């Protein structure tokens, strides 16, 4: 049995292979078979003492079941340490019950994953009322990495107008906006947002005067429906922004929406490769590899997680 290996669910395998190459590891693919009734059969590659499991958890429901089955097979095969690399981590939005009777998905998924792996590494997890990701995963190691260094490096390498103002489309985006603006030495501002529903929002800018005649770069962690981005773009255009671009960590929106973004005045949308998407332009393999290199020399304990 080898000391360490990397295995990936059969989604986003290009990013998994790049990460494996950074770490000097082979990349094994976990095989999935779907039976006619929808059930899954999962088969893992040869087992190592420490196995890094790569699984970005967009479209999460089947992936979570596949991950559970893969962990069972790996543990039974002798794996002593399982490290989940989930560049996008699902079900973090619902961290409280907003209405009576609602499940708190963050608690449920956090408890499930903490029972099957020993460490979790993710990027820009959608945590708003949970300041420490360790609280989501009781009893195991957890790291919430920032994509902003990789995004800043990519933007700086291609060149960015020093007059550009970094825009947060809502208050929740402020940590990412402030970080990116600081790394690039640019000014930033954050919009106020009132949400009426998943696809109905209102956007306003308190300091509108600084936006006229300047390029705007909107920044956020997740774009799902795209409504906030489009409404913000229309507001920026009305206030006189000379150009509007967007850069995001997790692109969860349908690729066909790029045309709607263009109609709203967004010139370009760039995303990291946390989720496979046509807008991917910024690789996270070095960000992830830097956090995982300690695993290469770590000796797993003989205890296993049930």
Protein backbone atom coordinates (compact mmCIF):
# COMPACT_ATOMS: atom_id res chain seq x y z
CA UNK A 1 0.00 0.00 0.00
CA UNK A 2 1.41 3.43 -0.94
CA UNK A 3 1.76 6.22 1.64
CA UNK A 4 -0.39 8.81 -0.12
CA UNK A 5 -2.57 9.11 -3.20
CA UNK A 6 -5.06 11.47 -4.77
CA UNK A 7 -8.41 10.26 -6.10
CA UNK A 8 -11.15 12.30 -7.72
CA UNK A 9 -14.81 11.91 -8.44
CA UNK A 10 -15.33 11.94 -12.23
CA UNK A 11 -16.24 15.65 -12.27
CA UNK A 12 -13.66 18.42 -12.66
CA UNK A 13 -10.90 15.92 -13.33
CA UNK A 14 -8.69 18.46 -15.15
CA UNK A 15 -8.34 20.56 -12.00
CA UNK A 16 -7.73 17.41 -9.93
CA UNK A 17 -4.96 16.30 -12.28
CA UNK A 18 -3.29 19.72 -12.10
CA UNK A 19 -3.38 19.54 -8.30
CA UNK A 20 -1.97 16.01 -8.30
CA UNK A 21 0.86 17.13 -10.58
CA UNK A 22 1.70 20.00 -8.21
CA UNK A 23 1.95 17.48 -5.37
CA UNK A 24 3.87 14.90 -7.40
CA UNK A 25 1.06 12.36 -7.11
CA UNK A 26 -0.79 10.20 -9.59
CA UNK A 27 -4.49 11.05 -10.00
CA UNK A 28 -6.84 8.08 -9.72
CA UNK A 29 -10.45 8.39 -10.83
CA UNK A 30 -13.29 7.00 -8.73
CA UNK A 31 -15.68 5.03 -10.95
CA UNK A 32 -19.42 5.69 -10.76
CA UNK A 33 -22.15 3.52 -12.27
CA UNK A 34 -25.81 4.53 -12.20
CA UNK A 35 -28.37 1.73 -12.07
CA UNK A 36 -31.67 2.15 -13.96
CA UNK A 37 -33.46 3.10 -10.72
CA UNK A 38 -30.96 5.89 -10.04
CA UNK A 39 -28.86 4.19 -7.37
CA UNK A 40 -25.08 4.51 -7.61
CA UNK A 41 -22.29 1.97 -7.53
CA UNK A 42 -18.91 3.39 -6.54
CA UNK A 43 -15.46 1.80 -6.99
CA UNK A 44 -12.24 3.44 -5.79
CA UNK A 45 -8.71 3.21 -7.17
CA UNK A 46 -6.01 1.36 -5.18
CA UNK A 47 -5.98 2.48 -1.56
CA UNK A 48 -3.18 4.45 0.16
CA UNK A 49 -2.57 5.11 3.85
CA UNK A 50 -3.52 8.75 3.22
CA UNK A 51 -5.97 9.48 0.41
CA UNK A 52 -6.75 12.99 -0.82
CA UNK A 53 -10.29 12.98 -2.19
CA UNK A 54 -10.94 15.73 -4.75
CA UNK A 55 -14.62 16.55 -5.10
CA UNK A 56 -15.96 20.00 -5.88
CA UNK A 57 -19.49 19.85 -4.52
CA UNK A 58 -21.57 21.87 -6.96
CA UNK A 59 -24.70 19.95 -8.06
CA UNK A 60 -24.12 18.19 -4.76
CA UNK A 61 -26.74 15.56 -4.10
CA UNK A 62 -25.34 12.64 -6.12
CA UNK A 63 -21.79 13.74 -5.30
CA UNK A 64 -22.40 13.55 -1.58
CA UNK A 65 -23.70 9.99 -1.88
CA UNK A 66 -20.74 9.05 -4.10
CA UNK A 67 -18.35 10.61 -1.59
CA UNK A 68 -19.94 8.68 1.28
CA UNK A 69 -19.60 5.40 -0.62
CA UNK A 70 -16.02 6.18 -1.69
CA UNK A 71 -15.03 6.90 1.91
CA UNK A 72 -16.55 3.59 3.01
CA UNK A 73 -14.59 1.66 0.37
CA UNK A 74 -11.34 3.47 1.18
CA UNK A 75 -11.65 2.93 4.94
CA UNK A 76 -12.49 -0.72 4.46
CA UNK A 77 -9.53 -1.03 2.10
CA UNK A 78 -7.15 0.23 4.79
CA UNK A 79 -6.99 4.02 4.37
CA UNK A 80 -6.03 5.57 7.71
CA UNK A 81 -6.48 9.23 6.76
CA UNK A 82 -8.92 10.82 4.33
CA UNK A 83 -8.51 14.44 3.26
CA UNK A 84 -11.42 15.98 1.35
CA UNK A 85 -10.51 18.76 -1.07
CA UNK A 86 -13.78 20.46 -1.98
CA UNK A 87 -12.91 23.72 -3.77
CA UNK A 88 -16.62 24.52 -3.71
CA UNK A 89 -18.38 23.41 -0.54
CA UNK A 90 -22.14 22.91 -0.80
CA UNK A 91 -25.00 23.66 1.58
CA UNK A 92 -23.22 26.38 3.56
CA UNK A 93 -25.84 29.10 2.86
CA UNK A 94 -28.45 27.79 5.30
CA UNK A 95 -26.67 28.31 8.62
CA UNK A 96 -29.81 29.20 10.55
CA UNK A 97 -33.50 28.38 10.21
CA UNK A 98 -34.88 31.51 8.56
CA UNK A 99 -38.44 30.20 8.87
CA UNK A 100 -40.12 27.74 11.22
CA UNK A 101 -39.60 24.12 10.21
CA UNK A 102 -36.54 24.70 7.97
CA UNK A 103 -33.58 22.36 8.13
CA UNK A 104 -30.18 23.91 8.86
CA UNK A 105 -28.27 22.34 5.97
CA UNK A 106 -24.87 23.61 7.13
CA UNK A 107 -25.22 21.63 10.37
CA UNK A 108 -26.42 18.49 8.63
CA UNK A 109 -23.72 18.44 5.94
CA UNK A 110 -21.00 19.51 8.37
CA UNK A 111 -21.82 16.62 10.69
CA UNK A 112 -21.99 14.12 7.81
CA UNK A 113 -18.62 15.09 6.33
CA UNK A 114 -16.94 15.25 9.75
CA UNK A 115 -17.87 11.61 10.29
CA UNK A 116 -16.33 10.32 7.07
CA UNK A 117 -13.10 12.32 6.58
CA UNK A 118 -10.27 13.56 8.80
CA UNK A 119 -9.63 16.93 7.16
CA UNK A 120 -11.47 19.29 4.81
CA UNK A 121 -9.86 21.91 2.57
CA UNK A 122 -12.14 24.32 0.73
CA UNK A 123 -12.02 27.78 -0.88
CA UNK A 124 -14.14 30.85 -0.07
CA UNK A 125 -16.84 28.88 1.73
CA UNK A 126 -20.14 30.76 1.94
CA UNK A 127 -19.97 31.46 5.69
CA UNK A 128 -21.75 34.57 6.92
CA UNK A 129 -22.81 33.91 10.50
CA UNK A 130 -20.14 31.25 11.14
CA UNK A 131 -16.80 33.02 11.65
CA UNK A 132 -14.72 29.83 11.97
CA UNK A 133 -15.10 26.94 9.52
CA UNK A 134 -13.91 24.64 12.28
CA UNK A 135 -17.30 25.10 13.92
CA UNK A 136 -18.97 23.54 10.87
CA UNK A 137 -16.91 20.34 11.10
CA UNK A 138 -16.71 19.22 14.73
CA UNK A 139 -13.70 17.14 15.72
CA UNK A 140 -11.71 17.30 12.46
CA UNK A 141 -9.27 19.66 10.77
CA UNK A 142 -10.75 22.22 8.38
CA UNK A 143 -9.25 25.03 6.27
CA UNK A 144 -11.12 27.73 4.36
CA UNK A 145 -8.64 29.13 1.83
CA UNK A 146 -8.97 32.43 0.01
CA UNK A 147 -9.01 32.61 -3.78
CA UNK A 148 -8.12 36.30 -3.69
CA UNK A 149 -4.31 35.84 -3.91
CA UNK A 150 -4.70 33.74 -7.08
CA UNK A 151 -7.26 36.16 -8.52
CA UNK A 152 -5.08 39.19 -7.74
CA UNK A 153 -2.04 37.55 -9.33
CA UNK A 154 -4.01 36.71 -12.47
CA UNK A 155 -5.41 40.23 -12.82
CA UNK A 156 -2.04 41.84 -12.18
CA UNK A 157 -0.39 39.59 -14.78
CA UNK A 158 -2.84 40.59 -17.50
CA UNK A 159 -2.86 44.26 -16.51
CA UNK A 160 -5.56 46.31 -14.82
CA UNK A 161 -6.34 50.01 -15.20
CA UNK A 162 -5.23 51.78 -11.98
CA UNK A 163 -8.43 53.83 -12.10
CA UNK A 164 -10.51 50.66 -11.70
CA UNK A 165 -12.78 50.54 -8.68
CA UNK A 166 -13.48 47.13 -7.14
CA UNK A 167 -17.22 46.68 -6.58
CA UNK A 168 -19.05 44.45 -4.14
CA UNK A 169 -22.60 43.82 -5.35
CA UNK A 170 -23.84 43.42 -1.76
CA UNK A 171 -22.63 43.68 1.84
CA UNK A 172 -21.87 39.95 1.99
CA UNK A 173 -19.17 40.40 -0.67
CA UNK A 174 -17.21 42.99 1.35
CA UNK A 175 -14.50 40.62 2.70
CA UNK A 176 -13.55 39.50 -0.83
CA UNK A 177 -13.80 43.00 -2.28
CA UNK A 178 -11.67 44.60 0.43
CA UNK A 179 -9.04 41.84 0.18
CA UNK A 180 -8.75 42.01 -3.60
CA UNK A 181 -8.67 45.82 -3.67
CA UNK A 182 -5.92 45.83 -1.07
CA UNK A 183 -3.81 43.36 -3.02
CA UNK A 184 -4.15 45.41 -6.22
CA UNK A 185 -3.86 48.83 -4.59
CA UNK A 186 -7.27 49.92 -5.87
CA UNK A 187 -10.25 51.72 -4.39
CA UNK A 188 -13.38 49.75 -3.54
CA UNK A 189 -17.00 50.18 -2.59
CA UNK A 190 -19.91 47.90 -1.74
CA UNK A 191 -23.53 48.24 -2.84
CA UNK A 192 -26.57 47.99 -0.65
CA UNK A 193 -28.96 45.21 -1.62
CA UNK A 194 -32.55 44.42 -0.78
CA UNK A 195 -33.61 40.92 -1.83
CA UNK A 196 -37.26 40.21 -2.58
CA UNK A 197 -36.67 36.65 -3.81
CA UNK A 198 -34.13 34.40 -5.56
CA UNK A 199 -34.44 36.41 -8.78
CA UNK A 200 -35.67 39.80 -7.53
CA UNK A 201 -33.25 42.29 -5.93
CA UNK A 202 -32.76 46.03 -5.63
CA UNK A 203 -29.26 47.59 -5.65
CA UNK A 204 -28.09 51.05 -4.65
CA UNK A 205 -24.68 52.71 -4.18
CA UNK A 206 -24.32 55.19 -1.33
CA UNK A 207 -21.14 56.76 -2.79
CA UNK A 208 -22.31 56.93 -6.40
CA UNK A 209 -20.18 59.98 -7.25
CA UNK A 210 -16.92 58.00 -7.24
CA UNK A 211 -18.18 55.58 -9.90
CA UNK A 212 -18.66 57.92 -12.84
CA UNK A 213 -16.00 57.80 -15.55
CA UNK A 214 -14.13 54.82 -14.08
CA UNK A 215 -13.84 51.11 -14.95
CA UNK A 216 -15.69 48.85 -12.49
CA UNK A 217 -14.71 45.31 -11.52
CA UNK A 218 -17.38 43.43 -9.60
CA UNK A 219 -16.15 40.73 -7.22
CA UNK A 220 -18.03 38.03 -5.34
CA UNK A 221 -17.62 34.52 -3.99
CA UNK A 222 -20.62 32.83 -5.66
CA UNK A 223 -22.76 33.66 -8.67
CA UNK A 224 -25.72 31.32 -8.91
CA UNK A 225 -28.81 32.92 -10.44
CA UNK A 226 -26.79 35.95 -11.60
CA UNK A 227 -29.57 38.37 -10.73
CA UNK A 228 -27.53 40.42 -8.25
CA UNK A 229 -24.67 40.77 -10.72
CA UNK A 230 -26.94 41.94 -13.54
CA UNK A 231 -28.88 44.43 -11.42
CA UNK A 232 -25.62 45.84 -10.04
CA UNK A 233 -24.20 46.14 -13.56
CA UNK A 234 -27.24 48.09 -14.74
CA UNK A 235 -26.89 50.43 -11.75
CA UNK A 236 -23.19 50.95 -12.47
CA UNK A 237 -23.87 51.67 -16.12
CA UNK A 238 -26.52 54.24 -15.15
CA UNK A 239 -24.00 55.91 -12.82
CA UNK A 240 -21.45 56.28 -15.62
CA UNK A 241 -18.98 53.42 -15.22
CA UNK A 242 -16.86 53.29 -18.38
CA UNK A 243 -16.66 49.48 -18.39
CA UNK A 244 -17.95 46.68 -16.17
CA UNK A 245 -16.23 43.34 -15.66
CA UNK A 246 -16.72 40.61 -13.06
CA UNK A 247 -14.45 38.12 -11.33
CA UNK A 248 -15.81 35.43 -9.02
CA UNK A 249 -14.62 32.38 -7.15
CA UNK A 250 -17.47 29.94 -7.78
CA UNK A 251 -19.36 30.04 -11.10
CA UNK A 252 -22.59 28.15 -10.43
CA UNK A 253 -24.74 29.85 -13.07
CA UNK A 254 -25.74 28.19 -16.36
CA UNK A 255 -23.18 28.97 -19.10
CA UNK A 256 -25.94 30.32 -21.33
CA UNK A 257 -26.34 33.23 -18.91
CA UNK A 258 -23.14 34.83 -20.19
CA UNK A 259 -25.25 36.38 -22.97
CA UNK A 260 -27.63 37.85 -20.40
CA UNK A 261 -24.68 39.29 -18.50
CA UNK A 262 -23.48 40.95 -21.69
CA UNK A 263 -26.95 42.43 -22.26
CA UNK A 264 -26.79 43.86 -18.72
CA UNK A 265 -23.53 45.62 -19.62
CA UNK A 266 -20.98 43.17 -18.20
CA UNK A 267 -18.06 43.03 -20.62
CA UNK A 268 -16.43 39.88 -19.22
CA UNK A 269 -16.88 37.31 -16.44
CA UNK A 270 -13.88 35.39 -15.11
CA UNK A 271 -14.00 32.61 -12.53
CA UNK A 272 -11.63 30.27 -10.76
CA UNK A 273 -11.61 26.58 -11.63
CA UNK A 274 -13.27 25.65 -8.31
CA UNK A 275 -16.23 24.51 -10.42
CA UNK A 276 -15.78 23.46 -14.07
CA UNK A 277 -17.28 26.27 -16.18
CA UNK A 278 -16.63 28.02 -19.52
CA UNK A 279 -15.67 31.19 -17.62
CA UNK A 280 -12.78 29.46 -15.78
CA UNK A 281 -9.65 31.57 -16.14
CA UNK A 282 -7.89 31.34 -12.77
CA UNK A 283 -6.40 28.07 -11.52
CA UNK A 284 -6.44 27.22 -7.82
CA UNK A 285 -4.01 24.29 -7.93
CA UNK A 286 -1.12 26.16 -6.28
CA UNK A 287 -3.43 27.60 -3.60
CA UNK A 288 -4.65 24.09 -2.77
CA UNK A 289 -1.24 22.46 -3.11
CA UNK A 290 0.31 24.91 -0.63
CA UNK A 291 -2.25 23.82 1.96
CA UNK A 292 -1.79 20.11 1.21
CA UNK A 293 1.99 19.75 1.09
CA UNK A 294 2.07 18.96 4.81
CA UNK A 295 0.18 15.74 3.98
CA UNK A 296 3.12 14.47 1.94
CA UNK A 297 5.25 13.97 5.04
CA UNK A 298 2.54 13.35 7.61
CA UNK A 299 2.35 9.85 9.12
CA UNK A 300 -1.27 8.81 9.59
CA UNK A 301 -2.27 7.66 13.03
CA UNK A 302 -3.33 4.02 13.34
CA UNK A 303 -6.82 4.98 14.42
CA UNK A 304 -9.49 5.22 11.77
CA UNK A 305 -12.61 7.32 11.71
CA UNK A 306 -15.79 5.25 11.89
